[in-house]
Amino acid sequence: MRVLLSTRVETDIARQLQFGMDHFGTLIAERTFARVDRFLFQFLPAHPFTGKYLDDRQIYEVWIAKTPFVVFYRVNSENETITVLALFHHAQDRGAFDSEE
């Protein structure tokens, strides 16, 4: 499966990476986001249904191991794509996230 990043998630990643560099240093932030990258582009395509399916939103939610991050994504089996919709720090309120944006 091919992974697509929404504009929102690209912004989320850039913002969280900068926060990590500012608060924990470049080395820690780069290690953390290397895990995010491996999860999104290696693990997720191999296991697209690994997350918890949120029936009311028709999307998946999954925590990325050894990181403080949660991602929302949608799987389209017909065209074999995974669209990553958002990335949140686990402490952020995810309740107001609109998966239709």
N, C-alpha and C. Protein backbone atom coordinates (compact mmCIF):
# COMPACT_ATOMS: atom_id res chain seq x y z
N MET A 1 0.84 -1.19 0.00
CA MET A 1 0.00 0.00 0.00
C MET A 1 0.88 1.24 0.00
N ARG A 2 0.35 2.27 -0.61
CA ARG A 2 1.04 3.55 -0.70
C ARG A 2 0.53 4.46 0.41
N VAL A 3 1.42 5.20 1.05
CA VAL A 3 1.06 6.11 2.13
C VAL A 3 1.06 7.54 1.61
N LEU A 4 -0.04 8.23 1.87
CA LEU A 4 -0.17 9.65 1.53
C LEU A 4 -0.30 10.44 2.81
N LEU A 5 0.38 11.57 2.88
CA LEU A 5 0.27 12.45 4.04
C LEU A 5 -0.60 13.63 3.69
N SER A 6 -1.61 13.89 4.51
CA SER A 6 -2.44 15.07 4.30
C SER A 6 -1.61 16.32 4.58
N THR A 7 -2.07 17.44 4.08
CA THR A 7 -1.39 18.71 4.36
C THR A 7 -1.35 18.95 5.86
N ARG A 8 -2.44 18.63 6.52
CA ARG A 8 -2.50 18.82 7.98
C ARG A 8 -1.41 18.02 8.67
N VAL A 9 -1.24 16.74 8.31
CA VAL A 9 -0.25 15.91 9.01
C VAL A 9 1.17 16.39 8.70
N GLU A 10 1.41 16.90 7.53
CA GLU A 10 2.73 17.46 7.23
C GLU A 10 3.03 18.63 8.16
N THR A 11 2.03 19.47 8.41
CA THR A 11 2.17 20.59 9.34
C THR A 11 2.34 20.08 10.76
N ASP A 12 1.54 19.07 11.14
CA ASP A 12 1.64 18.49 12.49
C ASP A 12 3.05 17.96 12.74
N ILE A 13 3.60 17.24 11.78
CA ILE A 13 4.93 16.66 11.93
C ILE A 13 5.98 17.75 12.08
N ALA A 14 5.92 18.76 11.23
CA ALA A 14 6.89 19.85 11.30
C ALA A 14 6.81 20.56 12.65
N ARG A 15 5.61 20.81 13.12
CA ARG A 15 5.41 21.51 14.40
C ARG A 15 5.92 20.66 15.57
N GLN A 16 5.59 19.38 15.56
CA GLN A 16 6.02 18.50 16.65
C GLN A 16 7.54 18.27 16.63
N LEU A 17 8.11 18.18 15.44
CA LEU A 17 9.56 18.04 15.33
C LEU A 17 10.26 19.27 15.90
N GLN A 18 9.78 20.44 15.55
CA GLN A 18 10.38 21.68 16.07
C GLN A 18 10.25 21.75 17.58
N PHE A 19 9.08 21.39 18.10
CA PHE A 19 8.87 21.38 19.55
C PHE A 19 9.86 20.42 20.21
N GLY A 20 10.02 19.25 19.64
CA GLY A 20 10.96 18.27 20.18
C GLY A 20 12.39 18.77 20.18
N MET A 21 12.80 19.41 19.10
CA MET A 21 14.16 19.95 19.02
C MET A 21 14.36 21.05 20.05
N ASP A 22 13.35 21.91 20.20
CA ASP A 22 13.45 23.03 21.15
C ASP A 22 13.50 22.55 22.60
N HIS A 23 12.78 21.48 22.93
CA HIS A 23 12.66 21.04 24.31
C HIS A 23 13.54 19.86 24.70
N PHE A 24 13.92 19.03 23.74
CA PHE A 24 14.67 17.82 24.07
C PHE A 24 15.99 17.69 23.31
N GLY A 25 16.22 18.59 22.37
CA GLY A 25 17.44 18.55 21.59
C GLY A 25 17.24 17.86 20.25
N THR A 26 18.11 18.19 19.34
CA THR A 26 18.02 17.68 17.98
C THR A 26 18.15 16.17 17.90
N LEU A 27 19.09 15.59 18.64
CA LEU A 27 19.31 14.15 18.57
C LEU A 27 18.07 13.36 18.99
N ILE A 28 17.47 13.72 20.10
CA ILE A 28 16.27 13.02 20.58
C ILE A 28 15.12 13.20 19.61
N ALA A 29 14.92 14.42 19.13
CA ALA A 29 13.82 14.69 18.19
C ALA A 29 14.02 13.90 16.90
N GLU A 30 15.24 13.87 16.39
CA GLU A 30 15.50 13.12 15.15
C GLU A 30 15.29 11.62 15.35
N ARG A 31 15.70 11.09 16.48
CA ARG A 31 15.47 9.66 16.76
C ARG A 31 13.98 9.35 16.82
N THR A 32 13.26 10.22 17.51
CA THR A 32 11.81 10.02 17.65
C THR A 32 11.13 10.06 16.29
N PHE A 33 11.49 11.03 15.48
CA PHE A 33 10.84 11.15 14.18
C PHE A 33 11.34 10.13 13.17
N ALA A 34 12.49 9.53 13.41
CA ALA A 34 12.91 8.38 12.59
C ALA A 34 11.96 7.22 12.87
N ARG A 35 11.54 7.05 14.13
CA ARG A 35 10.55 6.02 14.47
C ARG A 35 9.21 6.31 13.80
N VAL A 36 8.81 7.58 13.83
CA VAL A 36 7.55 7.98 13.18
C VAL A 36 7.62 7.65 11.70
N ASP A 37 8.72 7.99 11.07
CA ASP A 37 8.90 7.74 9.64
C ASP A 37 8.85 6.25 9.33
N ARG A 38 9.56 5.44 10.12
CA ARG A 38 9.53 3.98 9.89
C ARG A 38 8.12 3.43 10.08
N PHE A 39 7.42 3.93 11.09
CA PHE A 39 6.06 3.46 11.31
C PHE A 39 5.17 3.80 10.11
N LEU A 40 5.21 5.05 9.68
CA LEU A 40 4.32 5.50 8.60
C LEU A 40 4.63 4.85 7.26
N PHE A 41 5.90 4.68 6.94
CA PHE A 41 6.26 4.27 5.59
C PHE A 41 6.73 2.82 5.46
N GLN A 42 6.92 2.13 6.59
CA GLN A 42 7.29 0.72 6.53
C GLN A 42 6.26 -0.17 7.23
N PHE A 43 6.00 0.11 8.51
CA PHE A 43 5.09 -0.74 9.26
C PHE A 43 3.64 -0.60 8.79
N LEU A 44 3.16 0.62 8.69
CA LEU A 44 1.74 0.84 8.35
C LEU A 44 1.35 0.25 7.00
N PRO A 45 2.14 0.40 5.95
CA PRO A 45 1.76 -0.23 4.68
C PRO A 45 1.70 -1.76 4.76
N ALA A 46 2.53 -2.34 5.62
CA ALA A 46 2.53 -3.80 5.77
C ALA A 46 1.38 -4.28 6.66
N HIS A 47 0.89 -3.40 7.53
CA HIS A 47 -0.17 -3.75 8.50
C HIS A 47 -1.20 -2.62 8.56
N PRO A 48 -1.90 -2.37 7.50
CA PRO A 48 -2.78 -1.18 7.45
C PRO A 48 -3.97 -1.21 8.40
N PHE A 49 -4.34 -2.37 8.89
CA PHE A 49 -5.51 -2.46 9.77
C PHE A 49 -5.12 -2.66 11.22
N THR A 50 -3.90 -2.25 11.56
CA THR A 50 -3.37 -2.45 12.90
C THR A 50 -4.01 -1.54 13.94
N GLY A 51 -4.52 -0.40 13.53
CA GLY A 51 -5.09 0.56 14.47
C GLY A 51 -6.48 0.18 14.94
N LYS A 52 -6.97 0.98 15.87
CA LYS A 52 -8.34 0.80 16.37
C LYS A 52 -9.28 1.51 15.39
N TYR A 53 -10.24 0.77 14.87
CA TYR A 53 -11.18 1.35 13.91
C TYR A 53 -12.24 2.14 14.66
N LEU A 54 -12.40 3.40 14.29
CA LEU A 54 -13.41 4.28 14.88
C LEU A 54 -14.58 4.33 13.92
N ASP A 55 -15.56 3.49 14.16
CA ASP A 55 -16.67 3.30 13.24
C ASP A 55 -17.44 4.59 12.97
N ASP A 56 -17.60 5.42 13.99
CA ASP A 56 -18.36 6.66 13.81
C ASP A 56 -17.66 7.65 12.89
N ARG A 57 -16.34 7.54 12.76
CA ARG A 57 -15.57 8.44 11.89
C ARG A 57 -15.06 7.74 10.63
N GLN A 58 -15.12 6.42 10.62
CA GLN A 58 -14.62 5.60 9.53
C GLN A 58 -13.13 5.83 9.27
N ILE A 59 -12.38 5.89 10.37
CA ILE A 59 -10.93 6.04 10.31
C ILE A 59 -10.31 5.14 11.38
N TYR A 60 -8.99 5.02 11.32
CA TYR A 60 -8.24 4.26 12.30
C TYR A 60 -7.43 5.21 13.17
N GLU A 61 -7.22 4.79 14.41
CA GLU A 61 -6.38 5.52 15.35
C GLU A 61 -5.33 4.54 15.88
N VAL A 62 -4.07 4.95 15.92
CA VAL A 62 -3.02 4.07 16.43
C VAL A 62 -1.92 4.90 17.10
N TRP A 63 -1.40 4.35 18.19
CA TRP A 63 -0.26 4.94 18.88
C TRP A 63 1.01 4.42 18.21
N ILE A 64 1.98 5.28 18.02
CA ILE A 64 3.26 4.87 17.44
C ILE A 64 4.17 4.46 18.60
N ALA A 65 4.59 3.20 18.59
CA ALA A 65 5.41 2.66 19.68
C ALA A 65 6.67 3.48 19.92
N LYS A 66 7.02 3.60 21.19
CA LYS A 66 8.23 4.29 21.64
C LYS A 66 8.27 5.75 21.23
N THR A 67 7.09 6.33 21.03
CA THR A 67 6.96 7.77 20.77
C THR A 67 5.74 8.25 21.56
N PRO A 68 5.59 9.56 21.70
CA PRO A 68 4.40 10.07 22.37
C PRO A 68 3.27 10.39 21.39
N PHE A 69 3.28 9.77 20.21
CA PHE A 69 2.37 10.20 19.16
C PHE A 69 1.28 9.19 18.81
N VAL A 70 0.16 9.77 18.40
CA VAL A 70 -1.01 9.03 17.94
C VAL A 70 -1.32 9.55 16.54
N VAL A 71 -1.64 8.65 15.61
CA VAL A 71 -2.04 9.09 14.27
C VAL A 71 -3.44 8.60 13.95
N PHE A 72 -4.12 9.39 13.15
CA PHE A 72 -5.39 9.02 12.56
C PHE A 72 -5.15 8.79 11.08
N TYR A 73 -5.74 7.72 10.54
CA TYR A 73 -5.54 7.44 9.12
C TYR A 73 -6.75 6.73 8.54
N ARG A 74 -6.84 6.78 7.23
CA ARG A 74 -7.93 6.13 6.50
C ARG A 74 -7.32 5.17 5.48
N VAL A 75 -7.91 4.00 5.35
CA VAL A 75 -7.44 2.99 4.39
C VAL A 75 -8.43 2.93 3.23
N ASN A 76 -7.91 3.00 2.02
CA ASN A 76 -8.72 2.82 0.83
C ASN A 76 -8.20 1.56 0.14
N SER A 77 -8.91 0.45 0.35
CA SER A 77 -8.47 -0.83 -0.21
C SER A 77 -8.57 -0.87 -1.72
N GLU A 78 -9.50 -0.13 -2.28
CA GLU A 78 -9.69 -0.14 -3.74
C GLU A 78 -8.47 0.39 -4.48
N ASN A 79 -7.95 1.53 -4.02
CA ASN A 79 -6.77 2.06 -4.71
C ASN A 79 -5.48 1.84 -3.91
N GLU A 80 -5.58 0.98 -2.89
CA GLU A 80 -4.43 0.58 -2.08
C GLU A 80 -3.63 1.76 -1.55
N THR A 81 -4.34 2.68 -0.89
CA THR A 81 -3.68 3.82 -0.27
C THR A 81 -4.08 3.94 1.19
N ILE A 82 -3.17 4.50 1.93
CA ILE A 82 -3.40 4.88 3.33
C ILE A 82 -3.18 6.38 3.37
N THR A 83 -4.18 7.11 3.82
CA THR A 83 -4.03 8.56 3.96
C THR A 83 -3.92 8.87 5.45
N VAL A 84 -2.78 9.39 5.84
CA VAL A 84 -2.56 9.78 7.23
C VAL A 84 -3.14 11.18 7.37
N LEU A 85 -4.11 11.30 8.28
CA LEU A 85 -4.89 12.53 8.41
C LEU A 85 -4.36 13.50 9.46
N ALA A 86 -3.84 12.97 10.56
CA ALA A 86 -3.37 13.85 11.64
C ALA A 86 -2.40 13.10 12.54
N LEU A 87 -1.53 13.86 13.18
CA LEU A 87 -0.61 13.34 14.18
C LEU A 87 -0.75 14.21 15.41
N PHE A 88 -1.00 13.57 16.55
CA PHE A 88 -1.17 14.29 17.81
C PHE A 88 -0.18 13.77 18.84
N HIS A 89 0.28 14.64 19.70
CA HIS A 89 0.97 14.22 20.91
C HIS A 89 -0.10 13.60 21.80
N HIS A 90 0.25 12.55 22.53
CA HIS A 90 -0.77 11.84 23.32
C HIS A 90 -1.49 12.75 24.32
N ALA A 91 -0.86 13.83 24.75
CA ALA A 91 -1.47 14.72 25.73
C ALA A 91 -2.43 15.74 25.09
N GLN A 92 -2.41 15.84 23.78
CA GLN A 92 -3.31 16.78 23.10
C GLN A 92 -4.73 16.23 23.08
N ASP A 93 -5.69 17.15 23.11
CA ASP A 93 -7.10 16.77 22.99
C ASP A 93 -7.39 16.41 21.55
N ARG A 94 -7.77 15.17 21.33
CA ARG A 94 -8.07 14.69 19.98
C ARG A 94 -9.57 14.65 19.70
N GLY A 95 -10.37 14.99 20.71
CA GLY A 95 -11.82 14.89 20.60
C GLY A 95 -12.43 15.79 19.54
N ALA A 96 -11.84 16.93 19.31
CA ALA A 96 -12.38 17.88 18.34
C ALA A 96 -11.87 17.66 16.92
N PHE A 97 -11.02 16.65 16.74
CA PHE A 97 -10.47 16.40 15.41
C PHE A 97 -11.58 16.03 14.44
N ASP A 98 -11.62 16.73 13.32
CA ASP A 98 -12.62 16.49 12.28
C ASP A 98 -11.94 15.73 11.15
N SER A 99 -12.28 14.47 11.00
CA SER A 99 -11.65 13.64 9.98
C SER A 99 -12.06 13.99 8.57
N GLU A 100 -13.00 14.87 8.41
CA GLU A 100 -13.45 15.28 7.07
C GLU A 100 -12.74 16.51 6.56
N GLU A 101 -11.85 17.09 7.36
CA GLU A 101 -11.14 18.30 6.93
C GLU A 101 -10.23 18.04 5.76
